[in-house]
Amino acid sequence: MKLRILLYIIIIFLISSFISIPVMAEENYCFDPDSWQEWENLSSKYPDDMDIQTLHALRLGLCAKVERGDITVQQATDIFENARNAIINKKKVEELKKKGGI
């Protein structure tokens, strides 16, 4: 049980701290091999975590749409950040429920 809580905390930290598309539209991480490697590592490390898989798939699709010119980097960033924040909030609620806070 404690290991699972620790895992959720680590995942929340990873998602919220350094594995997101930056808020600044000028920085397009779709072409950054280091950020792609981080996502591939996360996806491989947590194959059953559907939240990580969802964000990874969303990132793939958003970058494809940016490359095709369907949406701007800012639009992709906004979409990704909204999804990431929703997942973080969901994880927080799940933790509160487990701790009996809700």
C-alpha atoms as a PDB file:
ATOM      1  CA  MET A   1       0.000   0.000   0.000  1.00  0.00           C
ATOM      2  CA  LYS A   2       2.748   2.439   0.967  1.00  0.00           C
ATOM      3  CA  LEU A   3       4.715   1.441  -2.122  1.00  0.00           C
ATOM      4  CA  ARG A   4       1.712   2.223  -4.323  1.00  0.00           C
ATOM      5  CA  ILE A   5       1.288   5.651  -2.710  1.00  0.00           C
ATOM      6  CA  LEU A   6       4.990   6.327  -3.197  1.00  0.00           C
ATOM      7  CA  LEU A   7       4.689   5.295  -6.840  1.00  0.00           C
ATOM      8  CA  TYR A   8       1.769   7.690  -7.370  1.00  0.00           C
ATOM      9  CA  ILE A   9       3.699  10.513  -5.733  1.00  0.00           C
ATOM     10  CA  ILE A  10       6.702   9.838  -7.955  1.00  0.00           C
ATOM     11  CA  ILE A  11       4.532   9.731 -11.069  1.00  0.00           C
ATOM     12  CA  ILE A  12       2.803  12.982 -10.115  1.00  0.00           C
ATOM     13  CA  PHE A  13       6.180  14.588  -9.521  1.00  0.00           C
ATOM     14  CA  LEU A  14       7.535  13.386 -12.856  1.00  0.00           C
ATOM     15  CA  ILE A  15       4.496  14.505 -14.758  1.00  0.00           C
ATOM     16  CA  SER A  16       4.317  17.885 -13.083  1.00  0.00           C
ATOM     17  CA  SER A  17       7.961  18.839 -12.918  1.00  0.00           C
ATOM     18  CA  PHE A  18       9.951  18.094 -16.028  1.00  0.00           C
ATOM     19  CA  ILE A  19       8.074  15.878 -18.458  1.00  0.00           C
ATOM     20  CA  SER A  20       5.712  18.392 -19.965  1.00  0.00           C
ATOM     21  CA  ILE A  21       5.693  20.478 -23.065  1.00  0.00           C
ATOM     22  CA  PRO A  22       6.868  23.869 -21.803  1.00  0.00           C
ATOM     23  CA  VAL A  23       4.351  26.638 -21.389  1.00  0.00           C
ATOM     24  CA  MET A  24       6.348  28.942 -23.647  1.00  0.00           C
ATOM     25  CA  ALA A  25       5.202  28.451 -27.224  1.00  0.00           C
ATOM     26  CA  GLU A  26       8.574  29.523 -28.593  1.00  0.00           C
ATOM     27  CA  GLU A  27      10.076  26.315 -27.225  1.00  0.00           C
ATOM     28  CA  ASN A  28       8.956  23.469 -29.449  1.00  0.00           C
ATOM     29  CA  TYR A  29      10.028  20.247 -27.754  1.00  0.00           C
ATOM     30  CA  CYS A  30       8.610  18.136 -30.552  1.00  0.00           C
ATOM     31  CA  PHE A  31      12.085  18.147 -32.077  1.00  0.00           C
ATOM     32  CA  ASP A  32      13.988  17.616 -28.815  1.00  0.00           C
ATOM     33  CA  PRO A  33      15.504  14.107 -28.717  1.00  0.00           C
ATOM     34  CA  ASP A  34      16.120  14.307 -24.958  1.00  0.00           C
ATOM     35  CA  SER A  35      12.474  14.981 -24.150  1.00  0.00           C
ATOM     36  CA  TRP A  36      11.394  12.189 -26.509  1.00  0.00           C
ATOM     37  CA  GLN A  37      13.765   9.814 -24.749  1.00  0.00           C
ATOM     38  CA  GLU A  38      12.328  10.807 -21.367  1.00  0.00           C
ATOM     39  CA  TRP A  39       8.823  10.021 -22.612  1.00  0.00           C
ATOM     40  CA  GLU A  40       9.914   6.714 -24.137  1.00  0.00           C
ATOM     41  CA  ASN A  41      11.565   5.774 -20.845  1.00  0.00           C
ATOM     42  CA  LEU A  42       8.453   6.652 -18.855  1.00  0.00           C
ATOM     43  CA  SER A  43       6.219   4.786 -21.261  1.00  0.00           C
ATOM     44  CA  SER A  44       8.411   1.686 -21.039  1.00  0.00           C
ATOM     45  CA  LYS A  45       8.858   1.893 -17.273  1.00  0.00           C
ATOM     46  CA  TYR A  46       5.110   2.217 -16.582  1.00  0.00           C
ATOM     47  CA  PRO A  47       3.396   0.281 -19.388  1.00  0.00           C
ATOM     48  CA  ASP A  48       0.243  -0.266 -17.320  1.00  0.00           C
ATOM     49  CA  ASP A  49      -0.148   3.344 -16.194  1.00  0.00           C
ATOM     50  CA  MET A  50      -2.834   4.598 -18.512  1.00  0.00           C
ATOM     51  CA  ASP A  51      -2.301   8.208 -17.449  1.00  0.00           C
ATOM     52  CA  ILE A  52       1.327   8.136 -18.614  1.00  0.00           C
ATOM     53  CA  GLN A  53       0.315   6.267 -21.760  1.00  0.00           C
ATOM     54  CA  THR A  54      -2.425   8.822 -22.422  1.00  0.00           C
ATOM     55  CA  LEU A  55      -0.053  11.775 -22.104  1.00  0.00           C
ATOM     56  CA  HIS A  56       2.548  10.023 -24.234  1.00  0.00           C
ATOM     57  CA  ALA A  57      -0.005   9.333 -26.977  1.00  0.00           C
ATOM     58  CA  LEU A  58      -1.360  12.876 -26.726  1.00  0.00           C
ATOM     59  CA  ARG A  59       2.153  14.263 -27.120  1.00  0.00           C
ATOM     60  CA  LEU A  60       2.735  12.090 -30.202  1.00  0.00           C
ATOM     61  CA  GLY A  61      -0.493  13.285 -31.782  1.00  0.00           C
ATOM     62  CA  LEU A  62      -0.041  16.925 -30.900  1.00  0.00           C
ATOM     63  CA  CYS A  63       3.481  16.988 -32.313  1.00  0.00           C
ATOM     64  CA  ALA A  64       2.203  15.380 -35.514  1.00  0.00           C
ATOM     65  CA  LYS A  65      -0.477  18.058 -35.794  1.00  0.00           C
ATOM     66  CA  VAL A  66       2.070  20.820 -35.166  1.00  0.00           C
ATOM     67  CA  GLU A  67       4.395  19.375 -37.815  1.00  0.00           C
ATOM     68  CA  ARG A  68       1.528  19.257 -40.341  1.00  0.00           C
ATOM     69  CA  GLY A  69       0.569  22.829 -39.505  1.00  0.00           C
ATOM     70  CA  ASP A  70      -2.892  21.901 -38.249  1.00  0.00           C
ATOM     71  CA  ILE A  71      -2.333  23.648 -34.905  1.00  0.00           C
ATOM     72  CA  THR A  72       0.245  26.009 -33.465  1.00  0.00           C
ATOM     73  CA  VAL A  73       2.796  25.104 -30.823  1.00  0.00           C
ATOM     74  CA  GLN A  74       0.858  27.295 -28.372  1.00  0.00           C
ATOM     75  CA  GLN A  75      -2.382  25.426 -29.082  1.00  0.00           C
ATOM     76  CA  ALA A  76      -0.618  22.088 -28.630  1.00  0.00           C
ATOM     77  CA  THR A  77       0.921  23.312 -25.401  1.00  0.00           C
ATOM     78  CA  ASP A  78      -2.449  24.461 -24.084  1.00  0.00           C
ATOM     79  CA  ILE A  79      -4.095  21.136 -24.956  1.00  0.00           C
ATOM     80  CA  PHE A  80      -1.290  19.133 -23.362  1.00  0.00           C
ATOM     81  CA  GLU A  81      -1.156  21.247 -20.210  1.00  0.00           C
ATOM     82  CA  ASN A  82      -4.935  20.975 -19.753  1.00  0.00           C
ATOM     83  CA  ALA A  83      -4.753  17.188 -20.015  1.00  0.00           C
ATOM     84  CA  ARG A  84      -1.704  16.984 -17.734  1.00  0.00           C
ATOM     85  CA  ASN A  85      -3.378  19.164 -15.106  1.00  0.00           C
ATOM     86  CA  ALA A  86      -6.552  17.065 -15.268  1.00  0.00           C
ATOM     87  CA  ILE A  87      -4.513  13.909 -14.652  1.00  0.00           C
ATOM     88  CA  ILE A  88      -2.609  15.504 -11.783  1.00  0.00           C
ATOM     89  CA  ASN A  89      -5.883  16.610 -10.187  1.00  0.00           C
ATOM     90  CA  LYS A  90      -7.337  13.119 -10.650  1.00  0.00           C
ATOM     91  CA  LYS A  91      -4.287  11.578  -8.947  1.00  0.00           C
ATOM     92  CA  LYS A  92      -4.585  14.021  -6.041  1.00  0.00           C
ATOM     93  CA  VAL A  93      -8.250  13.121  -5.550  1.00  0.00           C
ATOM     94  CA  GLU A  94      -7.411   9.405  -5.688  1.00  0.00           C
ATOM     95  CA  GLU A  95      -4.763   9.886  -2.993  1.00  0.00           C
ATOM     96  CA  LEU A  96      -7.141  11.850  -0.791  1.00  0.00           C
ATOM     97  CA  LYS A  97      -9.741   9.111  -1.114  1.00  0.00           C
ATOM     98  CA  LYS A  98      -7.178   6.465  -0.164  1.00  0.00           C
ATOM     99  CA  LYS A  99      -6.161   8.470   2.884  1.00  0.00           C
ATOM    100  CA  GLY A 100      -9.778   8.911   3.876  1.00  0.00           C
ATOM    101  CA  GLY A 101      -9.769  12.647   3.229  1.00  0.00           C
ATOM    102  CA  ILE A 102     -12.775  12.547   0.928  1.00  0.00           C
END
